[in-house]
Amino acid sequence: MLIAVHCAVIALFLVLAAVFFRGKGTDLIAGYNTASAWEKRHTDEWKLTRFLGKLMLALAVCWVPVLLSAVLHAMWLLWIGLALFLAVTVAGVVYANTGKRFWKP
């Protein structure tokens, strides 16, 4: 049962990555939803969704050690997977929110 949950989490991240790589899914981005009309006009949606697609793909890969920990009953894999997941999440949030990376010129 636990293995199925981990597989579902990986599948969810892969589906989200596919949606974002197509340039869709801006409705799923909380910060973009709450932005003013002016901010939305000046945001490059293509760059933003492509970045989030890459982030979702990286998070799916980070969850693989967690899945393997359930299969192999190795607690150290769980901690490595969770640490990777946390590090990628924090790095992604910091990268996305610093600078004007997603603003239209």
N, C-alpha and C. Protein backbone atom coordinates (compact mmCIF):
# COMPACT_ATOMS: atom_id res chain seq x y z
N MET A 1 0.82 -1.20 0.00
CA MET A 1 0.00 0.00 0.00
C MET A 1 0.86 1.26 0.00
N LEU A 2 1.91 1.27 0.85
CA LEU A 2 2.78 2.42 0.93
C LEU A 2 3.52 2.67 -0.38
N ILE A 3 3.90 1.61 -1.05
CA ILE A 3 4.60 1.73 -2.34
C ILE A 3 3.68 2.38 -3.36
N ALA A 4 2.41 2.03 -3.34
CA ALA A 4 1.45 2.63 -4.27
C ALA A 4 1.30 4.13 -4.02
N VAL A 5 1.34 4.54 -2.77
CA VAL A 5 1.24 5.97 -2.44
C VAL A 5 2.46 6.71 -2.98
N HIS A 6 3.65 6.14 -2.79
CA HIS A 6 4.86 6.78 -3.30
C HIS A 6 4.83 6.85 -4.83
N CYS A 7 4.36 5.81 -5.48
CA CYS A 7 4.24 5.84 -6.94
C CYS A 7 3.23 6.90 -7.38
N ALA A 8 2.16 7.07 -6.62
CA ALA A 8 1.17 8.10 -6.95
C ALA A 8 1.76 9.50 -6.80
N VAL A 9 2.59 9.71 -5.79
CA VAL A 9 3.23 11.02 -5.60
C VAL A 9 4.15 11.32 -6.78
N ILE A 10 4.95 10.35 -7.19
CA ILE A 10 5.84 10.53 -8.34
C ILE A 10 5.02 10.80 -9.60
N ALA A 11 3.95 10.04 -9.78
CA ALA A 11 3.09 10.25 -10.96
C ALA A 11 2.46 11.64 -10.96
N LEU A 12 2.05 12.11 -9.79
CA LEU A 12 1.48 13.45 -9.69
C LEU A 12 2.48 14.52 -10.12
N PHE A 13 3.72 14.41 -9.65
CA PHE A 13 4.75 15.37 -10.04
C PHE A 13 5.05 15.28 -11.53
N LEU A 14 5.03 14.09 -12.10
CA LEU A 14 5.28 13.94 -13.53
C LEU A 14 4.14 14.53 -14.36
N VAL A 15 2.91 14.35 -13.91
CA VAL A 15 1.77 14.95 -14.61
C VAL A 15 1.85 16.48 -14.55
N LEU A 16 2.15 17.01 -13.37
CA LEU A 16 2.30 18.46 -13.24
C LEU A 16 3.44 18.97 -14.12
N ALA A 17 4.54 18.23 -14.19
CA ALA A 17 5.66 18.63 -15.05
C ALA A 17 5.21 18.68 -16.51
N ALA A 18 4.44 17.69 -16.94
CA ALA A 18 3.96 17.67 -18.32
C ALA A 18 3.05 18.85 -18.60
N VAL A 19 2.18 19.18 -17.66
CA VAL A 19 1.28 20.32 -17.83
C VAL A 19 2.08 21.61 -17.93
N PHE A 20 3.03 21.80 -17.05
CA PHE A 20 3.81 23.03 -17.05
C PHE A 20 4.72 23.12 -18.27
N PHE A 21 5.28 22.01 -18.73
CA PHE A 21 6.15 22.04 -19.91
C PHE A 21 5.37 22.47 -21.16
N ARG A 22 4.08 22.26 -21.18
CA ARG A 22 3.26 22.70 -22.31
C ARG A 22 2.92 24.18 -22.25
N GLY A 23 3.33 24.84 -21.18
CA GLY A 23 3.02 26.26 -21.03
C GLY A 23 1.65 26.49 -20.42
N LYS A 24 1.04 25.45 -19.91
CA LYS A 24 -0.29 25.54 -19.29
C LYS A 24 -0.14 25.48 -17.78
N GLY A 25 -1.25 25.61 -17.08
CA GLY A 25 -1.27 25.40 -15.64
C GLY A 25 -1.00 26.64 -14.82
N THR A 26 -1.11 27.82 -15.43
CA THR A 26 -0.88 29.03 -14.64
C THR A 26 -1.93 29.17 -13.54
N ASP A 27 -3.09 28.54 -13.70
CA ASP A 27 -4.12 28.57 -12.66
C ASP A 27 -3.67 27.82 -11.41
N LEU A 28 -2.68 26.95 -11.54
CA LEU A 28 -2.20 26.16 -10.42
C LEU A 28 -1.11 26.88 -9.62
N ILE A 29 -0.64 28.01 -10.11
CA ILE A 29 0.44 28.74 -9.47
C ILE A 29 -0.18 29.78 -8.54
N ALA A 30 -0.02 29.59 -7.24
CA ALA A 30 -0.69 30.44 -6.26
C ALA A 30 -0.26 31.90 -6.38
N GLY A 31 1.01 32.17 -6.50
CA GLY A 31 1.48 33.54 -6.60
C GLY A 31 1.00 34.23 -7.86
N TYR A 32 0.88 33.46 -8.93
CA TYR A 32 0.40 34.03 -10.19
C TYR A 32 -1.09 34.33 -10.11
N ASN A 33 -1.83 33.48 -9.45
CA ASN A 33 -3.28 33.69 -9.29
C ASN A 33 -3.59 34.97 -8.53
N THR A 34 -2.79 35.29 -7.54
CA THR A 34 -3.05 36.45 -6.69
C THR A 34 -2.40 37.72 -7.22
N ALA A 35 -1.68 37.63 -8.33
CA ALA A 35 -1.01 38.81 -8.90
C ALA A 35 -2.04 39.76 -9.51
N SER A 36 -1.66 41.02 -9.54
CA SER A 36 -2.55 42.02 -10.16
C SER A 36 -2.52 41.84 -11.68
N ALA A 37 -3.47 42.48 -12.34
CA ALA A 37 -3.54 42.40 -13.80
C ALA A 37 -2.27 42.96 -14.43
N TRP A 38 -1.71 44.03 -13.84
CA TRP A 38 -0.48 44.62 -14.35
C TRP A 38 0.68 43.62 -14.26
N GLU A 39 0.78 42.92 -13.12
CA GLU A 39 1.86 41.94 -12.94
C GLU A 39 1.69 40.77 -13.91
N LYS A 40 0.47 40.34 -14.14
CA LYS A 40 0.23 39.24 -15.07
C LYS A 40 0.61 39.63 -16.49
N ARG A 41 0.33 40.88 -16.87
CA ARG A 41 0.69 41.35 -18.22
C ARG A 41 2.20 41.39 -18.40
N HIS A 42 2.93 41.65 -17.33
CA HIS A 42 4.38 41.79 -17.42
C HIS A 42 5.14 40.53 -17.03
N THR A 43 4.45 39.43 -16.86
CA THR A 43 5.08 38.16 -16.53
C THR A 43 5.16 37.29 -17.77
N ASP A 44 6.33 36.73 -18.00
CA ASP A 44 6.51 35.81 -19.12
C ASP A 44 6.03 34.42 -18.68
N GLU A 45 4.80 34.10 -19.04
CA GLU A 45 4.19 32.83 -18.60
C GLU A 45 4.97 31.63 -19.11
N TRP A 46 5.51 31.73 -20.32
CA TRP A 46 6.25 30.60 -20.90
C TRP A 46 7.46 30.27 -20.03
N LYS A 47 8.26 31.27 -19.66
CA LYS A 47 9.43 31.03 -18.82
C LYS A 47 9.03 30.50 -17.44
N LEU A 48 7.97 31.07 -16.89
CA LEU A 48 7.52 30.65 -15.56
C LEU A 48 7.06 29.20 -15.55
N THR A 49 6.24 28.83 -16.52
CA THR A 49 5.74 27.45 -16.54
C THR A 49 6.83 26.45 -16.90
N ARG A 50 7.77 26.84 -17.76
CA ARG A 50 8.89 25.95 -18.08
C ARG A 50 9.75 25.70 -16.83
N PHE A 51 9.99 26.75 -16.06
CA PHE A 51 10.75 26.58 -14.82
C PHE A 51 10.02 25.65 -13.86
N LEU A 52 8.72 25.86 -13.72
CA LEU A 52 7.96 25.01 -12.80
C LEU A 52 7.90 23.57 -13.30
N GLY A 53 7.89 23.37 -14.61
CA GLY A 53 7.96 22.01 -15.15
C GLY A 53 9.26 21.33 -14.76
N LYS A 54 10.36 22.07 -14.88
CA LYS A 54 11.66 21.52 -14.48
C LYS A 54 11.69 21.24 -12.98
N LEU A 55 11.09 22.14 -12.20
CA LEU A 55 11.05 21.95 -10.76
C LEU A 55 10.24 20.70 -10.39
N MET A 56 9.09 20.50 -11.03
CA MET A 56 8.27 19.33 -10.74
C MET A 56 8.99 18.04 -11.14
N LEU A 57 9.72 18.09 -12.26
CA LEU A 57 10.50 16.93 -12.69
C LEU A 57 11.59 16.61 -11.67
N ALA A 58 12.27 17.64 -11.18
CA ALA A 58 13.31 17.44 -10.17
C ALA A 58 12.71 16.87 -8.88
N LEU A 59 11.53 17.35 -8.50
CA LEU A 59 10.89 16.83 -7.28
C LEU A 59 10.47 15.37 -7.45
N ALA A 60 10.05 15.00 -8.65
CA ALA A 60 9.70 13.60 -8.91
C ALA A 60 10.94 12.71 -8.77
N VAL A 61 12.07 13.19 -9.28
CA VAL A 61 13.32 12.43 -9.17
C VAL A 61 13.76 12.34 -7.71
N CYS A 62 13.56 13.42 -6.96
CA CYS A 62 13.94 13.41 -5.54
C CYS A 62 13.09 12.44 -4.72
N TRP A 63 11.91 12.12 -5.21
CA TRP A 63 11.04 11.22 -4.45
C TRP A 63 11.38 9.75 -4.72
N VAL A 64 12.18 9.46 -5.73
CA VAL A 64 12.54 8.08 -6.03
C VAL A 64 13.27 7.40 -4.86
N PRO A 65 14.24 8.05 -4.20
CA PRO A 65 14.85 7.38 -3.04
C PRO A 65 13.86 7.08 -1.92
N VAL A 66 12.84 7.92 -1.78
CA VAL A 66 11.81 7.65 -0.77
C VAL A 66 11.06 6.37 -1.14
N LEU A 67 10.73 6.21 -2.41
CA LEU A 67 10.10 4.98 -2.89
C LEU A 67 11.01 3.79 -2.66
N LEU A 68 12.28 3.95 -3.00
CA LEU A 68 13.23 2.84 -2.81
C LEU A 68 13.40 2.48 -1.34
N SER A 69 13.27 3.46 -0.46
CA SER A 69 13.38 3.16 0.96
C SER A 69 12.24 2.26 1.42
N ALA A 70 11.07 2.44 0.83
CA ALA A 70 9.93 1.58 1.19
C ALA A 70 10.11 0.18 0.61
N VAL A 71 10.71 0.10 -0.57
CA VAL A 71 10.91 -1.21 -1.22
C VAL A 71 12.03 -1.98 -0.52
N LEU A 72 13.13 -1.30 -0.24
CA LEU A 72 14.31 -1.97 0.31
C LEU A 72 14.38 -1.93 1.84
N HIS A 73 13.42 -1.25 2.46
CA HIS A 73 13.40 -1.11 3.92
C HIS A 73 14.71 -0.51 4.43
N ALA A 74 15.16 0.55 3.75
CA ALA A 74 16.39 1.23 4.12
C ALA A 74 16.04 2.65 4.54
N MET A 75 16.13 2.90 5.83
CA MET A 75 15.75 4.20 6.37
C MET A 75 16.66 5.33 5.86
N TRP A 76 17.92 5.03 5.60
CA TRP A 76 18.85 6.06 5.13
C TRP A 76 18.42 6.61 3.78
N LEU A 77 17.81 5.79 2.93
CA LEU A 77 17.30 6.28 1.65
C LEU A 77 16.15 7.25 1.85
N LEU A 78 15.33 7.00 2.84
CA LEU A 78 14.24 7.91 3.16
C LEU A 78 14.78 9.29 3.51
N TRP A 79 15.78 9.34 4.37
CA TRP A 79 16.34 10.62 4.81
C TRP A 79 17.04 11.34 3.67
N ILE A 80 17.72 10.60 2.82
CA ILE A 80 18.36 11.22 1.66
C ILE A 80 17.31 11.80 0.72
N GLY A 81 16.27 11.04 0.45
CA GLY A 81 15.20 11.53 -0.43
C GLY A 81 14.50 12.75 0.13
N LEU A 82 14.21 12.74 1.42
CA LEU A 82 13.54 13.90 2.02
C LEU A 82 14.45 15.12 2.04
N ALA A 83 15.74 14.91 2.31
CA ALA A 83 16.68 16.03 2.30
C ALA A 83 16.81 16.62 0.89
N LEU A 84 16.90 15.77 -0.12
CA LEU A 84 16.94 16.25 -1.50
C LEU A 84 15.67 17.01 -1.85
N PHE A 85 14.53 16.46 -1.48
CA PHE A 85 13.24 17.09 -1.77
C PHE A 85 13.18 18.48 -1.13
N LEU A 86 13.57 18.58 0.12
CA LEU A 86 13.56 19.87 0.81
C LEU A 86 14.53 20.85 0.18
N ALA A 87 15.74 20.39 -0.16
CA ALA A 87 16.74 21.26 -0.75
C ALA A 87 16.30 21.78 -2.11
N VAL A 88 15.73 20.93 -2.94
CA VAL A 88 15.26 21.35 -4.26
C VAL A 88 14.08 22.31 -4.13
N THR A 89 13.19 22.05 -3.18
CA THR A 89 12.05 22.94 -2.97
C THR A 89 12.50 24.32 -2.54
N VAL A 90 13.39 24.39 -1.56
CA VAL A 90 13.87 25.69 -1.07
C VAL A 90 14.64 26.42 -2.17
N ALA A 91 15.51 25.72 -2.88
CA ALA A 91 16.28 26.34 -3.96
C ALA A 91 15.35 26.85 -5.06
N GLY A 92 14.32 26.08 -5.40
CA GLY A 92 13.37 26.51 -6.42
C GLY A 92 12.59 27.74 -6.03
N VAL A 93 12.15 27.80 -4.79
CA VAL A 93 11.40 28.96 -4.31
C VAL A 93 12.29 30.20 -4.27
N VAL A 94 13.51 30.04 -3.79
CA VAL A 94 14.43 31.18 -3.74
C VAL A 94 14.75 31.66 -5.15
N TYR A 95 15.04 30.74 -6.05
CA TYR A 95 15.36 31.12 -7.43
C TYR A 95 14.19 31.84 -8.10
N ALA A 96 12.99 31.33 -7.90
CA ALA A 96 11.82 31.91 -8.56
C ALA A 96 11.47 33.29 -8.01
N ASN A 97 11.78 33.54 -6.75
CA ASN A 97 11.35 34.79 -6.12
C ASN A 97 12.44 35.84 -6.00
N THR A 98 13.62 35.57 -6.52
CA THR A 98 14.67 36.58 -6.49
C THR A 98 14.96 37.03 -7.91
N GLY A 99 15.21 38.28 -8.07
CA GLY A 99 15.47 38.82 -9.41
C GLY A 99 14.18 38.95 -10.20
N LYS A 100 14.32 39.35 -11.41
CA LYS A 100 13.17 39.53 -12.31
C LYS A 100 13.28 38.52 -13.45
N ARG A 101 13.47 37.26 -13.11
CA ARG A 101 13.70 36.21 -14.10
C ARG A 101 12.51 35.97 -15.03
N PHE A 102 11.32 36.19 -14.55
CA PHE A 102 10.14 35.84 -15.32
C PHE A 102 9.38 37.07 -15.82
N TRP A 103 10.04 38.21 -15.84
CA TRP A 103 9.42 39.44 -16.33
C TRP A 103 9.69 39.58 -17.81
N LYS A 104 8.70 40.07 -18.54
CA LYS A 104 8.87 40.35 -19.96
C LYS A 104 9.76 41.58 -20.11
N PRO A 105 10.63 41.57 -21.12
CA PRO A 105 11.50 42.75 -21.32
C PRO A 105 10.71 43.96 -21.81
